[in-house]
Protein backbone atom coordinates (compact mmCIF):
# COMPACT_ATOMS: atom_id res chain seq x y z
CA MET A 1 -78.29 -74.03 -62.13
CA GLU A 2 -79.38 -73.53 -58.57
CA LYS A 3 -76.43 -75.49 -57.50
CA ASN A 4 -73.65 -73.30 -59.48
CA ASN A 5 -75.53 -70.11 -57.73
CA THR A 6 -74.74 -71.21 -54.29
CA ASN A 7 -70.99 -72.46 -55.12
CA LYS A 8 -70.57 -68.94 -56.48
CA GLN A 9 -71.97 -67.61 -52.81
CA VAL A 10 -69.86 -69.71 -50.97
CA LYS A 11 -66.75 -68.63 -53.10
CA GLU A 12 -67.62 -64.79 -52.58
CA LYS A 13 -68.07 -65.38 -48.95
CA ASP A 14 -64.42 -67.60 -48.52
CA GLU A 15 -62.79 -64.75 -50.49
CA VAL A 16 -64.74 -61.83 -47.98
CA LEU A 17 -63.74 -63.79 -45.03
CA GLU A 18 -59.98 -64.20 -46.80
CA ASN A 19 -59.60 -60.56 -47.25
CA LYS A 20 -60.91 -59.56 -43.97
CA ALA A 21 -58.48 -61.91 -42.14
CA GLN A 22 -55.71 -60.56 -44.38
CA VAL A 23 -56.73 -56.93 -43.13
CA GLU A 24 -56.93 -57.98 -39.62
CA GLN A 25 -53.47 -59.58 -39.74
CA ALA A 26 -52.17 -56.47 -41.43
CA GLU A 27 -53.72 -54.16 -38.96
CA ASP A 28 -52.21 -56.45 -36.07
CA SER A 29 -48.77 -56.35 -37.69
CA LYS A 30 -49.13 -52.37 -38.54
CA GLU A 31 -49.95 -52.24 -34.61
CA GLU A 32 -46.66 -54.36 -33.41
CA GLU A 33 -44.51 -52.64 -35.64
CA LYS A 34 -45.95 -49.05 -34.27
CA LYS A 35 -45.40 -50.27 -30.68
CA ALA A 36 -42.17 -51.78 -31.74
CA THR A 37 -40.90 -48.53 -33.37
CA SER A 38 -42.32 -46.23 -30.33
CA LYS A 39 -40.54 -48.21 -26.97
CA PRO A 40 -36.57 -47.08 -28.49
CA LYS A 41 -37.73 -43.76 -29.12
CA SER A 42 -39.26 -43.46 -25.76
CA ASN A 43 -35.70 -44.84 -24.16
CA SER A 44 -33.51 -42.57 -26.37
CA ALA A 45 -35.52 -39.81 -25.43
CA LYS A 46 -35.28 -40.48 -21.87
CA LYS A 47 -31.29 -40.97 -21.99
CA PRO A 48 -30.39 -37.04 -23.01
CA LYS A 49 -32.34 -36.16 -20.47
CA LYS A 50 -30.63 -38.27 -17.99
CA LYS A 51 -27.50 -37.22 -19.81
CA THR A 52 -28.23 -33.92 -19.03
CA GLU A 53 -28.83 -34.17 -15.93
CA ASN A 54 -25.72 -35.61 -14.91
CA LYS A 55 -23.96 -32.73 -16.42
CA LYS A 56 -25.71 -29.88 -14.25
CA ASP A 57 -25.38 -31.58 -11.53
CA LYS A 58 -21.43 -32.00 -12.66
CA GLN A 59 -21.30 -28.35 -13.00
CA LEU A 60 -22.83 -27.34 -9.61
CA ARG A 61 -20.23 -29.35 -8.08
CA GLU A 62 -17.28 -28.02 -9.98
CA LEU A 63 -18.63 -24.40 -8.96
CA GLN A 64 -19.13 -25.29 -5.51
CA GLU A 65 -15.72 -26.89 -5.05
CA ARG A 66 -14.48 -23.60 -6.83
CA VAL A 67 -16.41 -21.60 -4.23
CA ASP A 68 -15.12 -23.61 -1.01
CA GLU A 69 -11.37 -23.00 -2.23
CA LEU A 70 -11.66 -19.49 -2.88
CA SER A 71 -13.22 -18.90 0.58
CA GLU A 72 -10.50 -21.05 2.29
CA LYS A 73 -7.75 -18.76 0.28
CA TYR A 74 -9.47 -15.49 1.47
CA ILE A 75 -9.63 -16.58 4.99
CA ARG A 76 -6.13 -17.26 5.01
CA LEU A 77 -5.07 -14.44 3.38
CA SER A 78 -7.30 -12.35 5.69
CA ALA A 79 -5.37 -14.05 8.73
CA GLU A 80 -2.04 -13.61 7.21
CA PHE A 81 -2.47 -10.06 6.53
CA ASP A 82 -3.98 -9.13 10.24
CA ASN A 83 -1.05 -10.76 11.78
CA TYR A 84 1.30 -8.26 9.24
CA ARG A 85 -0.57 -5.41 10.72
CA LYS A 86 -0.44 -6.34 14.15
CA ARG A 87 3.65 -6.73 13.37
CA THR A 88 4.00 -3.77 11.85
CA LEU A 89 2.38 -1.25 14.42
CA LYS A 90 4.19 -3.06 16.61
CA GLU A 91 7.69 -2.43 15.25
CA LYS A 92 6.82 0.58 14.56
CA MET A 93 5.93 1.63 17.97
CA GLU A 94 9.22 0.28 19.12
CA LEU A 95 11.26 1.90 16.57
CA SER A 96 9.49 5.33 17.49
CA LYS A 97 9.93 4.38 21.25
CA ASN A 98 14.03 3.44 20.86
CA ALA A 99 14.21 6.27 18.27
CA GLY A 100 13.23 8.87 21.16
CA LYS A 101 15.12 7.20 23.66
CA GLN A 102 18.02 7.56 21.38
CA ILE A 103 17.78 11.19 21.37
CA PHE A 104 17.54 11.93 24.84
CA GLU A 105 20.31 9.89 25.56
CA ASN A 106 22.63 11.27 23.50
CA LEU A 107 21.46 15.11 24.86
CA LEU A 108 22.52 14.16 28.46
CA PRO A 109 25.70 14.89 27.44
CA VAL A 110 25.06 18.62 26.39
CA ILE A 111 23.20 18.55 30.08
CA ASP A 112 26.14 17.34 31.56
CA ASP A 113 28.48 20.20 30.00
CA LEU A 114 25.69 23.23 31.16
CA GLU A 115 26.19 22.20 34.45
CA ARG A 116 29.34 21.97 34.60
CA ALA A 117 29.40 25.44 33.09
CA ILE A 118 27.22 26.94 35.76
CA GLU A 119 29.28 25.54 38.17
CA VAL A 120 32.30 27.16 36.99
CA THR A 121 30.62 30.58 36.34
CA GLN A 122 29.67 30.77 40.12
CA ASN A 123 33.38 31.63 41.38
CA ALA A 124 34.62 32.40 37.51
CA GLU A 125 37.19 35.38 37.57
CA ASP A 126 38.05 34.86 33.83
CA ILE A 127 35.14 35.68 31.86
CA ASP A 128 36.92 34.74 28.67
CA ALA A 129 37.79 31.21 29.89
CA VAL A 130 33.80 30.80 30.60
CA LYS A 131 32.59 32.41 26.92
CA GLU A 132 35.15 29.49 25.50
CA GLY A 133 33.24 27.11 27.56
CA MET A 134 29.91 28.32 26.50
CA VAL A 135 30.71 28.63 22.99
CA LEU A 136 32.00 24.49 22.59
CA ILE A 137 28.96 23.42 24.63
CA HIS A 138 26.65 25.36 21.72
CA SER A 139 29.09 23.64 19.11
CA LYS A 140 28.52 20.53 20.79
CA PHE A 141 24.91 20.93 20.43
CA LEU A 142 25.04 21.92 17.25
CA GLY A 143 26.89 18.71 16.04
CA PHE A 144 24.53 16.64 17.90
CA LEU A 145 21.56 18.27 15.67
CA ARG A 146 23.34 17.75 12.72
CA GLN A 147 23.50 14.05 13.55
CA GLN A 148 20.01 13.65 13.97
CA GLY A 149 19.42 15.43 10.23
CA VAL A 150 18.45 19.07 11.69
CA SER A 151 20.36 22.06 10.35
CA GLU A 152 19.92 25.56 10.35
CA MET A 153 18.03 27.73 7.89
CA ASP A 154 20.50 30.38 6.44
CA SER A 155 18.18 33.06 5.42
CA VAL A 156 20.14 36.69 5.83
CA GLY A 157 20.45 38.20 2.19
CA LYS A 158 18.03 35.79 0.97
CA ASP A 159 14.45 36.39 -1.68
CA PHE A 160 11.64 36.33 1.24
CA ASP A 161 10.26 32.92 0.61
CA THR A 162 6.77 31.84 2.36
CA ASP A 163 7.76 28.08 2.41
CA GLU A 164 10.75 29.01 4.33
CA HIS A 165 9.96 32.32 6.36
CA GLU A 166 7.43 33.94 8.46
CA ALA A 167 7.78 37.67 8.21
CA VAL A 168 8.00 40.04 11.61
CA THR A 169 7.87 43.28 9.93
CA LYS A 170 9.13 45.21 7.19
CA ILE A 171 11.67 48.15 7.32
CA PRO A 172 13.05 50.30 4.22
CA ALA A 173 15.63 48.15 2.07
CA PRO A 174 19.66 49.53 3.70
CA GLU A 175 19.78 49.02 -0.63
CA GLU A 176 18.28 48.55 -3.47
CA SER A 177 19.19 45.35 -4.13
CA MET A 178 17.73 44.23 -0.74
CA LYS A 179 14.11 44.99 -1.45
CA GLY A 180 12.11 41.78 -1.20
CA LYS A 181 14.97 39.90 0.37
CA VAL A 182 15.36 39.11 4.05
CA VAL A 183 17.34 42.08 6.33
CA ASP A 184 17.83 40.55 9.68
CA VAL A 185 16.77 37.33 11.49
CA ILE A 186 14.74 37.55 14.48
CA THR A 187 14.42 33.55 15.41
CA LYS A 188 16.41 31.16 13.43
CA GLY A 189 14.62 28.34 11.39
CA TYR A 190 15.72 24.89 11.55
CA LYS A 191 14.92 22.16 8.95
CA ILE A 192 15.33 18.18 10.14
CA LYS A 193 16.16 16.40 6.35
CA ASP A 194 14.10 18.25 3.68
CA GLN A 195 11.06 19.23 6.36
CA ILE A 196 10.93 22.71 7.77
CA LEU A 197 10.92 22.02 11.50
CA ARG A 198 10.67 25.55 12.49
CA TYR A 199 9.82 28.56 9.93
CA SER A 200 12.60 31.59 10.50
CA LYS A 201 11.44 34.89 11.81
CA VAL A 202 12.82 37.64 9.70
CA VAL A 203 12.73 41.10 8.48
CA VAL A 204 12.09 41.59 4.99
CA GLY A 205 13.32 44.77 3.18
CA GLU A 206 11.22 46.99 1.08
């Protein structure tokens, strides 16, 4: 009987040890599995981060290249505009200079005619010839003005217009239809193209 109890105790002890070993083996397997599964997760978590950083670097590089390109274009366009401005200014100055020279050059024949007329009047006996010469000089000078785009303003009999006329005085209108109109011109007005060169100084009827 005592022997049977001893065998039973030994058997139970063996079962306990066996169960303990199985538990320890299961825990070891679980730990190894945990390590095996946690390691790939760690690697997979790092990869997207590296990829994100590379993407940001690429975007920054592209933006910097775009900024450099635009800066270069701006500098080039600024230089071209500055050259254009200087060239245009020089051309305008040359044009203005040449235009003034041309005007005075065309006036010289009129001065020549006036000098001849003065010489003739010194010993002139034929007054009609002197008058005719003065009329010719006047016509020649008006022709020169017309070539430059300058024309006389015809004001007598027209409605008084402050855009063209400067009223010197007012007088009673010689007839009813002349009220508010230009009765006489004291100083002629002139236009150059469509712009007023000088206003006509006029007498207005009232």
